[in-house]
Amino acid sequence: MNFFQFDFFTIIARIIVILLILPVHEFAHAFVARRCGDRTAEYSGRLTFNPFSHVDPIGALLLLLTGFGWAKPVPIDPRLMRNPRRGIILTSLAGPGSNLIVAYIALVLYRFLFWIPMESLTAINTVSSITTILFYFISINIGLALFNLIPIPPLDGSKVLIQFLPTRAVLWMQQNQMLISIVFLVVICTDILDRPLGWLGNWVLTFFSFATDWVDLLMNAIIG
């Protein structure tokens, strides 16, 4: 990873992610769990957008320094779900899914900003600053979604993977979860994940760019 990036726009985007997007990510887990019949997260005070209910200090610090981090895991009880296997899968995917939805919405706003008529240098500088922050914001959200989908404990992707593994493999992962997590932390402190996550992130961004082409078509039709 590329540690200690302290340029202004990156830090602003990461602070916004910590205070707004991590809560959205965890709220999505809690909301979908409740929809699946499990109200454990709701009773634990996690069905909220309040960042203080979700932010983990170490995960937030790591996100601030590297662009990757985590919040406090949302408690769930699969036994309370109507369909535990399906419920775990949907609940686990809800967090990364929320990051991708937010990234898409931010990209829509990003593309609309380029259609704002600007007649002064102040307006140009203001819009330029906003679009720069939005670009980092979009990239971080996509990165967080892909990062959390990695099928290694304690990330969301591992909870999905476990639903498809044989019992022996699940037991091995549970028995060695601490060791796996330590190895994974070492890995994310290197640049091993940069290339695959970067390639996937560029692919998602390219797809989202294609999926927001309607903004230009709409504005062309309005402005003519």
C-alpha atoms as a PDB file:
ATOM      1  CA  MET A   1       0.000   0.000   0.000  1.00  0.00           C
ATOM      2  CA  ASN A   2       1.001   3.593  -0.468  1.00  0.00           C
ATOM      3  CA  PHE A   3       1.129   4.833   3.150  1.00  0.00           C
ATOM      4  CA  PHE A   4       1.004   8.399   4.473  1.00  0.00           C
ATOM      5  CA  GLN A   5      -0.673  10.161   1.551  1.00  0.00           C
ATOM      6  CA  PHE A   6      -1.453  13.530   3.075  1.00  0.00           C
ATOM      7  CA  ASP A   7      -2.386  15.692   0.103  1.00  0.00           C
ATOM      8  CA  PHE A   8      -5.387  17.852   0.957  1.00  0.00           C
ATOM      9  CA  PHE A   9      -7.990  16.342  -1.364  1.00  0.00           C
ATOM     10  CA  THR A  10      -7.187  12.728  -0.460  1.00  0.00           C
ATOM     11  CA  ILE A  11      -7.445  13.438   3.265  1.00  0.00           C
ATOM     12  CA  ILE A  12     -10.755  15.321   2.865  1.00  0.00           C
ATOM     13  CA  ALA A  13     -12.218  12.441   0.841  1.00  0.00           C
ATOM     14  CA  ARG A  14     -11.039   9.867   3.385  1.00  0.00           C
ATOM     15  CA  ILE A  15     -12.481  11.842   6.316  1.00  0.00           C
ATOM     16  CA  ILE A  16     -15.813  11.977   4.492  1.00  0.00           C
ATOM     17  CA  VAL A  17     -15.627   8.222   3.986  1.00  0.00           C
ATOM     18  CA  ILE A  18     -14.901   7.638   7.685  1.00  0.00           C
ATOM     19  CA  LEU A  19     -17.728   9.878   8.887  1.00  0.00           C
ATOM     20  CA  LEU A  20     -20.320   9.121   6.209  1.00  0.00           C
ATOM     21  CA  ILE A  21     -19.571   6.041   4.137  1.00  0.00           C
ATOM     22  CA  LEU A  22     -18.426   3.610   6.840  1.00  0.00           C
ATOM     23  CA  PRO A  23     -21.717   4.297   8.669  1.00  0.00           C
ATOM     24  CA  VAL A  24     -23.632   3.742   5.413  1.00  0.00           C
ATOM     25  CA  HIS A  25     -21.736   0.473   4.873  1.00  0.00           C
ATOM     26  CA  GLU A  26     -22.558  -0.825   8.356  1.00  0.00           C
ATOM     27  CA  PHE A  27     -26.127   0.483   8.254  1.00  0.00           C
ATOM     28  CA  ALA A  28     -26.611  -1.508   5.050  1.00  0.00           C
ATOM     29  CA  HIS A  29     -25.503  -4.686   6.848  1.00  0.00           C
ATOM     30  CA  ALA A  30     -27.896  -3.984   9.734  1.00  0.00           C
ATOM     31  CA  PHE A  31     -30.802  -3.039   7.455  1.00  0.00           C
ATOM     32  CA  VAL A  32     -30.553  -6.140   5.282  1.00  0.00           C
ATOM     33  CA  ALA A  33     -30.138  -8.363   8.346  1.00  0.00           C
ATOM     34  CA  ARG A  34     -33.374  -6.954   9.739  1.00  0.00           C
ATOM     35  CA  ARG A  35     -35.103  -7.498   6.407  1.00  0.00           C
ATOM     36  CA  CYS A  36     -33.947 -11.123   6.600  1.00  0.00           C
ATOM     37  CA  GLY A  37     -35.544 -11.474  10.041  1.00  0.00           C
ATOM     38  CA  ASP A  38     -32.590 -10.772  12.361  1.00  0.00           C
ATOM     39  CA  ARG A  39     -32.952  -7.651  14.517  1.00  0.00           C
ATOM     40  CA  THR A  40     -29.769  -8.198  16.557  1.00  0.00           C
ATOM     41  CA  ALA A  41     -27.982  -5.232  14.953  1.00  0.00           C
ATOM     42  CA  GLU A  42     -31.010  -3.015  15.460  1.00  0.00           C
ATOM     43  CA  TYR A  43     -31.212  -3.908  19.163  1.00  0.00           C
ATOM     44  CA  SER A  44     -27.454  -3.239  19.434  1.00  0.00           C
ATOM     45  CA  GLY A  45     -27.924   0.313  18.177  1.00  0.00           C
ATOM     46  CA  ARG A  46     -26.301  -0.322  14.809  1.00  0.00           C
ATOM     47  CA  LEU A  47     -29.301   0.468  12.604  1.00  0.00           C
ATOM     48  CA  THR A  48     -28.192   4.092  12.418  1.00  0.00           C
ATOM     49  CA  PHE A  49     -26.085   6.465  10.333  1.00  0.00           C
ATOM     50  CA  ASN A  50     -24.393   7.845  13.471  1.00  0.00           C
ATOM     51  CA  PRO A  51     -20.630   7.390  12.814  1.00  0.00           C
ATOM     52  CA  PHE A  52     -19.845   7.055  16.519  1.00  0.00           C
ATOM     53  CA  SER A  53     -21.904   3.854  16.602  1.00  0.00           C
ATOM     54  CA  HIS A  54     -19.859   2.271  13.830  1.00  0.00           C
ATOM     55  CA  VAL A  55     -16.320   3.670  13.577  1.00  0.00           C
ATOM     56  CA  ASP A  56     -13.462   1.482  14.804  1.00  0.00           C
ATOM     57  CA  PRO A  57     -10.464   3.670  15.789  1.00  0.00           C
ATOM     58  CA  ILE A  58      -7.801   1.366  14.290  1.00  0.00           C
ATOM     59  CA  GLY A  59      -9.780   0.725  11.101  1.00  0.00           C
ATOM     60  CA  ALA A  60     -10.468   4.447  10.693  1.00  0.00           C
ATOM     61  CA  LEU A  61      -6.792   5.325  11.180  1.00  0.00           C
ATOM     62  CA  LEU A  62      -5.726   2.734   8.620  1.00  0.00           C
ATOM     63  CA  LEU A  63      -8.273   4.079   6.156  1.00  0.00           C
ATOM     64  CA  LEU A  64      -7.016   7.614   6.725  1.00  0.00           C
ATOM     65  CA  LEU A  65      -3.420   6.534   6.040  1.00  0.00           C
ATOM     66  CA  THR A  66      -3.892   3.992   3.240  1.00  0.00           C
ATOM     67  CA  GLY A  67      -7.403   4.314   1.812  1.00  0.00           C
ATOM     68  CA  PHE A  68      -8.385   0.887   3.180  1.00  0.00           C
ATOM     69  CA  GLY A  69      -9.895   0.203   6.586  1.00  0.00           C
ATOM     70  CA  TRP A  70     -12.921  -1.077   8.436  1.00  0.00           C
ATOM     71  CA  ALA A  71     -15.614  -0.250  10.976  1.00  0.00           C
ATOM     72  CA  LYS A  72     -16.863  -2.244  13.954  1.00  0.00           C
ATOM     73  CA  PRO A  73     -18.533  -5.409  12.621  1.00  0.00           C
ATOM     74  CA  VAL A  74     -22.318  -5.460  12.822  1.00  0.00           C
ATOM     75  CA  PRO A  75     -23.563  -8.263  15.096  1.00  0.00           C
ATOM     76  CA  ILE A  76     -25.908 -10.735  13.420  1.00  0.00           C
ATOM     77  CA  ASP A  77     -27.565 -13.970  14.507  1.00  0.00           C
ATOM     78  CA  PRO A  78     -28.243 -16.254  11.514  1.00  0.00           C
ATOM     79  CA  ARG A  79     -30.515 -18.408  13.698  1.00  0.00           C
ATOM     80  CA  LEU A  80     -33.033 -15.566  13.665  1.00  0.00           C
ATOM     81  CA  MET A  81     -33.032 -15.268   9.877  1.00  0.00           C
ATOM     82  CA  ARG A  82     -35.822 -16.842   7.873  1.00  0.00           C
ATOM     83  CA  ASN A  83     -33.253 -18.397   5.539  1.00  0.00           C
ATOM     84  CA  PRO A  84     -29.864 -18.296   7.320  1.00  0.00           C
ATOM     85  CA  ARG A  85     -27.657 -19.145   4.313  1.00  0.00           C
ATOM     86  CA  ARG A  86     -29.371 -16.672   2.023  1.00  0.00           C
ATOM     87  CA  GLY A  87     -29.543 -14.098   4.825  1.00  0.00           C
ATOM     88  CA  ILE A  88     -25.809 -14.257   5.554  1.00  0.00           C
ATOM     89  CA  ILE A  89     -24.957 -13.879   1.874  1.00  0.00           C
ATOM     90  CA  LEU A  90     -27.275 -10.896   1.370  1.00  0.00           C
ATOM     91  CA  THR A  91     -26.247  -9.236   4.630  1.00  0.00           C
ATOM     92  CA  SER A  92     -22.544  -9.649   3.802  1.00  0.00           C
ATOM     93  CA  LEU A  93     -22.927  -8.252   0.290  1.00  0.00           C
ATOM     94  CA  ALA A  94     -25.022  -5.297   1.490  1.00  0.00           C
ATOM     95  CA  GLY A  95     -22.023  -3.335   2.800  1.00  0.00           C
ATOM     96  CA  PRO A  96     -19.852  -3.481  -0.339  1.00  0.00           C
ATOM     97  CA  GLY A  97     -22.994  -2.991  -2.411  1.00  0.00           C
ATOM     98  CA  SER A  98     -23.733   0.252  -0.567  1.00  0.00           C
ATOM     99  CA  ASN A  99     -20.218   1.518  -1.373  1.00  0.00           C
ATOM    100  CA  LEU A 100     -20.754   0.829  -5.071  1.00  0.00           C
ATOM    101  CA  ILE A 101     -24.157   2.558  -5.026  1.00  0.00           C
ATOM    102  CA  VAL A 102     -22.676   5.627  -3.328  1.00  0.00           C
ATOM    103  CA  ALA A 103     -19.772   5.653  -5.815  1.00  0.00           C
ATOM    104  CA  TYR A 104     -22.222   5.574  -8.712  1.00  0.00           C
ATOM    105  CA  ILE A 105     -24.318   8.425  -7.261  1.00  0.00           C
ATOM    106  CA  ALA A 106     -21.155  10.468  -6.676  1.00  0.00           C
ATOM    107  CA  LEU A 107     -20.079   9.856 -10.281  1.00  0.00           C
ATOM    108  CA  VAL A 108     -23.460  11.110 -11.510  1.00  0.00           C
ATOM    109  CA  LEU A 109     -22.932  14.317  -9.514  1.00  0.00           C
ATOM    110  CA  TYR A 110     -19.348  14.496 -10.801  1.00  0.00           C
ATOM    111  CA  ARG A 111     -20.535  14.432 -14.400  1.00  0.00           C
ATOM    112  CA  PHE A 112     -23.294  16.985 -13.804  1.00  0.00           C
ATOM    113  CA  LEU A 113     -20.745  19.428 -12.358  1.00  0.00           C
ATOM    114  CA  PHE A 114     -18.973  19.643 -15.720  1.00  0.00           C
ATOM    115  CA  TRP A 115     -22.131  21.166 -17.184  1.00  0.00           C
ATOM    116  CA  ILE A 116     -22.226  24.081 -14.723  1.00  0.00           C
ATOM    117  CA  PRO A 117     -21.561  27.357 -16.577  1.00  0.00           C
ATOM    118  CA  MET A 118     -18.572  29.093 -14.988  1.00  0.00           C
ATOM    119  CA  GLU A 119     -17.800  32.716 -15.727  1.00  0.00           C
ATOM    120  CA  SER A 120     -15.358  33.563 -12.944  1.00  0.00           C
ATOM    121  CA  LEU A 121     -12.052  32.173 -11.763  1.00  0.00           C
ATOM    122  CA  THR A 122     -13.537  31.625  -8.301  1.00  0.00           C
ATOM    123  CA  ALA A 123     -16.306  29.445  -9.729  1.00  0.00           C
ATOM    124  CA  ILE A 124     -13.820  27.474 -11.795  1.00  0.00           C
ATOM    125  CA  ASN A 125     -11.566  26.870  -8.781  1.00  0.00           C
ATOM    126  CA  THR A 126     -14.513  25.898  -6.564  1.00  0.00           C
ATOM    127  CA  VAL A 127     -15.926  23.393  -9.025  1.00  0.00           C
ATOM    128  CA  SER A 128     -12.440  22.050  -9.719  1.00  0.00           C
ATOM    129  CA  SER A 129     -11.893  21.437  -5.997  1.00  0.00           C
ATOM    130  CA  ILE A 130     -15.264  19.710  -5.629  1.00  0.00           C
ATOM    131  CA  THR A 131     -14.695  17.456  -8.633  1.00  0.00           C
ATOM    132  CA  THR A 132     -11.223  16.523  -7.363  1.00  0.00           C
ATOM    133  CA  ILE A 133     -12.638  15.534  -3.952  1.00  0.00           C
ATOM    134  CA  LEU A 134     -15.456  13.640  -5.660  1.00  0.00           C
ATOM    135  CA  PHE A 135     -12.974  11.721  -7.801  1.00  0.00           C
ATOM    136  CA  TYR A 136     -11.041  10.570  -4.729  1.00  0.00           C
ATOM    137  CA  PHE A 137     -14.341   9.862  -2.990  1.00  0.00           C
ATOM    138  CA  ILE A 138     -15.506   7.650  -5.873  1.00  0.00           C
ATOM    139  CA  SER A 139     -12.182   5.824  -6.042  1.00  0.00           C
ATOM    140  CA  ILE A 140     -12.117   5.158  -2.292  1.00  0.00           C
ATOM    141  CA  ASN A 141     -15.679   3.807  -2.302  1.00  0.00           C
ATOM    142  CA  ILE A 142     -14.926   1.457  -5.168  1.00  0.00           C
ATOM    143  CA  GLY A 143     -11.704   0.407  -3.437  1.00  0.00           C
ATOM    144  CA  LEU A 144     -13.532  -0.264  -0.158  1.00  0.00           C
ATOM    145  CA  ALA A 145     -16.169  -2.345  -1.914  1.00  0.00           C
ATOM    146  CA  LEU A 146     -13.587  -4.503  -3.680  1.00  0.00           C
ATOM    147  CA  PHE A 147     -11.417  -4.730  -0.571  1.00  0.00           C
ATOM    148  CA  ASN A 148     -14.324  -5.958   1.551  1.00  0.00           C
ATOM    149  CA  LEU A 149     -15.235  -8.558  -1.078  1.00  0.00           C
ATOM    150  CA  ILE A 150     -11.862 -10.296  -0.689  1.00  0.00           C
ATOM    151  CA  PRO A 151     -12.789 -13.751   0.684  1.00  0.00           C
ATOM    152  CA  ILE A 152     -10.437 -13.654   3.683  1.00  0.00           C
ATOM    153  CA  PRO A 153     -11.568 -13.276   7.328  1.00  0.00           C
ATOM    154  CA  PRO A 154     -12.756 -10.952   8.710  1.00  0.00           C
ATOM    155  CA  LEU A 155     -13.838  -9.276   5.462  1.00  0.00           C
ATOM    156  CA  ASP A 156     -17.367  -9.554   4.072  1.00  0.00           C
ATOM    157  CA  GLY A 157     -16.255 -11.735   1.172  1.00  0.00           C
ATOM    158  CA  SER A 158     -15.181 -14.482   3.571  1.00  0.00           C
ATOM    159  CA  LYS A 159     -18.687 -14.733   5.018  1.00  0.00           C
ATOM    160  CA  VAL A 160     -20.041 -15.285   1.513  1.00  0.00           C
ATOM    161  CA  LEU A 161     -17.323 -17.808   0.649  1.00  0.00           C
ATOM    162  CA  ILE A 162     -18.004 -19.856   3.797  1.00  0.00           C
ATOM    163  CA  GLN A 163     -21.562 -20.510   2.622  1.00  0.00           C
ATOM    164  CA  PHE A 164     -20.179 -22.455  -0.349  1.00  0.00           C
ATOM    165  CA  LEU A 165     -17.288 -24.300   1.328  1.00  0.00           C
ATOM    166  CA  PRO A 166     -17.366 -27.878   2.688  1.00  0.00           C
ATOM    167  CA  THR A 167     -17.586 -28.227   6.466  1.00  0.00           C
ATOM    168  CA  ARG A 168     -13.917 -29.247   6.817  1.00  0.00           C
ATOM    169  CA  ALA A 169     -12.721 -26.081   5.089  1.00  0.00           C
ATOM    170  CA  VAL A 170     -15.027 -23.912   7.208  1.00  0.00           C
ATOM    171  CA  LEU A 171     -13.700 -25.487  10.415  1.00  0.00           C
ATOM    172  CA  TRP A 172     -10.107 -24.919   9.269  1.00  0.00           C
ATOM    173  CA  MET A 173     -10.820 -21.232   8.581  1.00  0.00           C
ATOM    174  CA  GLN A 174     -12.513 -20.807  11.949  1.00  0.00           C
ATOM    175  CA  GLN A 175      -9.683 -22.502  13.833  1.00  0.00           C
ATOM    176  CA  ASN A 176      -7.019 -20.438  12.051  1.00  0.00           C
ATOM    177  CA  GLN A 177      -8.897 -17.146  11.752  1.00  0.00           C
ATOM    178  CA  MET A 178      -6.428 -15.173  13.885  1.00  0.00           C
ATOM    179  CA  LEU A 179      -3.432 -16.443  11.912  1.00  0.00           C
ATOM    180  CA  ILE A 180      -5.190 -15.722   8.609  1.00  0.00           C
ATOM    181  CA  SER A 181      -6.052 -12.202   9.775  1.00  0.00           C
ATOM    182  CA  ILE A 182      -2.454 -11.499  10.861  1.00  0.00           C
ATOM    183  CA  VAL A 183      -1.076 -12.708   7.524  1.00  0.00           C
ATOM    184  CA  PHE A 184      -3.669 -10.621   5.713  1.00  0.00           C
ATOM    185  CA  LEU A 185      -2.734  -7.490   7.676  1.00  0.00           C
ATOM    186  CA  VAL A 186       0.881  -8.048   6.661  1.00  0.00           C
ATOM    187  CA  VAL A 187      -0.195  -8.421   3.044  1.00  0.00           C
ATOM    188  CA  ILE A 188      -2.191  -5.171   2.983  1.00  0.00           C
ATOM    189  CA  CYS A 189       0.859  -3.344   4.330  1.00  0.00           C
ATOM    190  CA  THR A 190       2.679  -4.251   1.109  1.00  0.00           C
ATOM    191  CA  ASP A 191       1.834  -3.508  -2.512  1.00  0.00           C
ATOM    192  CA  ILE A 192       0.790  -7.088  -3.338  1.00  0.00           C
ATOM    193  CA  LEU A 193      -2.896  -6.173  -3.575  1.00  0.00           C
ATOM    194  CA  ASP A 194      -2.385  -2.885  -5.388  1.00  0.00           C
ATOM    195  CA  ARG A 195      -2.275  -4.311  -8.899  1.00  0.00           C
ATOM    196  CA  PRO A 196      -5.287  -6.677  -8.772  1.00  0.00           C
ATOM    197  CA  LEU A 197      -7.427  -4.212  -6.803  1.00  0.00           C
ATOM    198  CA  GLY A 198      -6.322  -1.384  -9.075  1.00  0.00           C
ATOM    199  CA  TRP A 199      -7.231  -3.378 -12.193  1.00  0.00           C
ATOM    200  CA  LEU A 200     -10.639  -4.310 -10.799  1.00  0.00           C
ATOM    201  CA  GLY A 201     -11.220  -0.742  -9.612  1.00  0.00           C
ATOM    202  CA  ASN A 202     -10.460   0.637 -13.075  1.00  0.00           C
ATOM    203  CA  TRP A 203     -12.842  -1.895 -14.603  1.00  0.00           C
ATOM    204  CA  VAL A 204     -15.647  -0.881 -12.221  1.00  0.00           C
ATOM    205  CA  LEU A 205     -14.962   2.816 -12.847  1.00  0.00           C
ATOM    206  CA  THR A 206     -15.024   2.242 -16.606  1.00  0.00           C
ATOM    207  CA  PHE A 207     -18.349   0.425 -16.292  1.00  0.00           C
ATOM    208  CA  PHE A 208     -19.789   3.192 -14.104  1.00  0.00           C
ATOM    209  CA  SER A 209     -18.580   5.814 -16.588  1.00  0.00           C
ATOM    210  CA  PHE A 210     -20.450   3.972 -19.326  1.00  0.00           C
ATOM    211  CA  ALA A 211     -23.498   3.675 -17.039  1.00  0.00           C
ATOM    212  CA  THR A 212     -23.522   7.458 -16.441  1.00  0.00           C
ATOM    213  CA  ASP A 213     -23.303   8.481 -20.093  1.00  0.00           C
ATOM    214  CA  TRP A 214     -26.994   9.342 -19.785  1.00  0.00           C
ATOM    215  CA  VAL A 215     -25.968  12.504 -17.914  1.00  0.00           C
ATOM    216  CA  ASP A 216     -24.329  13.965 -21.025  1.00  0.00           C
ATOM    217  CA  LEU A 217     -27.245  12.844 -23.201  1.00  0.00           C
ATOM    218  CA  LEU A 218     -29.711  14.481 -20.815  1.00  0.00           C
ATOM    219  CA  MET A 219     -27.803  17.749 -20.572  1.00  0.00           C
ATOM    220  CA  ASN A 220     -27.288  17.884 -24.323  1.00  0.00           C
ATOM    221  CA  ALA A 221     -31.038  17.446 -24.777  1.00  0.00           C
ATOM    222  CA  ILE A 222     -31.802  20.194 -22.228  1.00  0.00           C
ATOM    223  CA  ILE A 223     -29.188  22.716 -23.288  1.00  0.00           C
ATOM    224  CA  GLY A 224     -29.241  21.766 -26.920  1.00  0.00           C
END
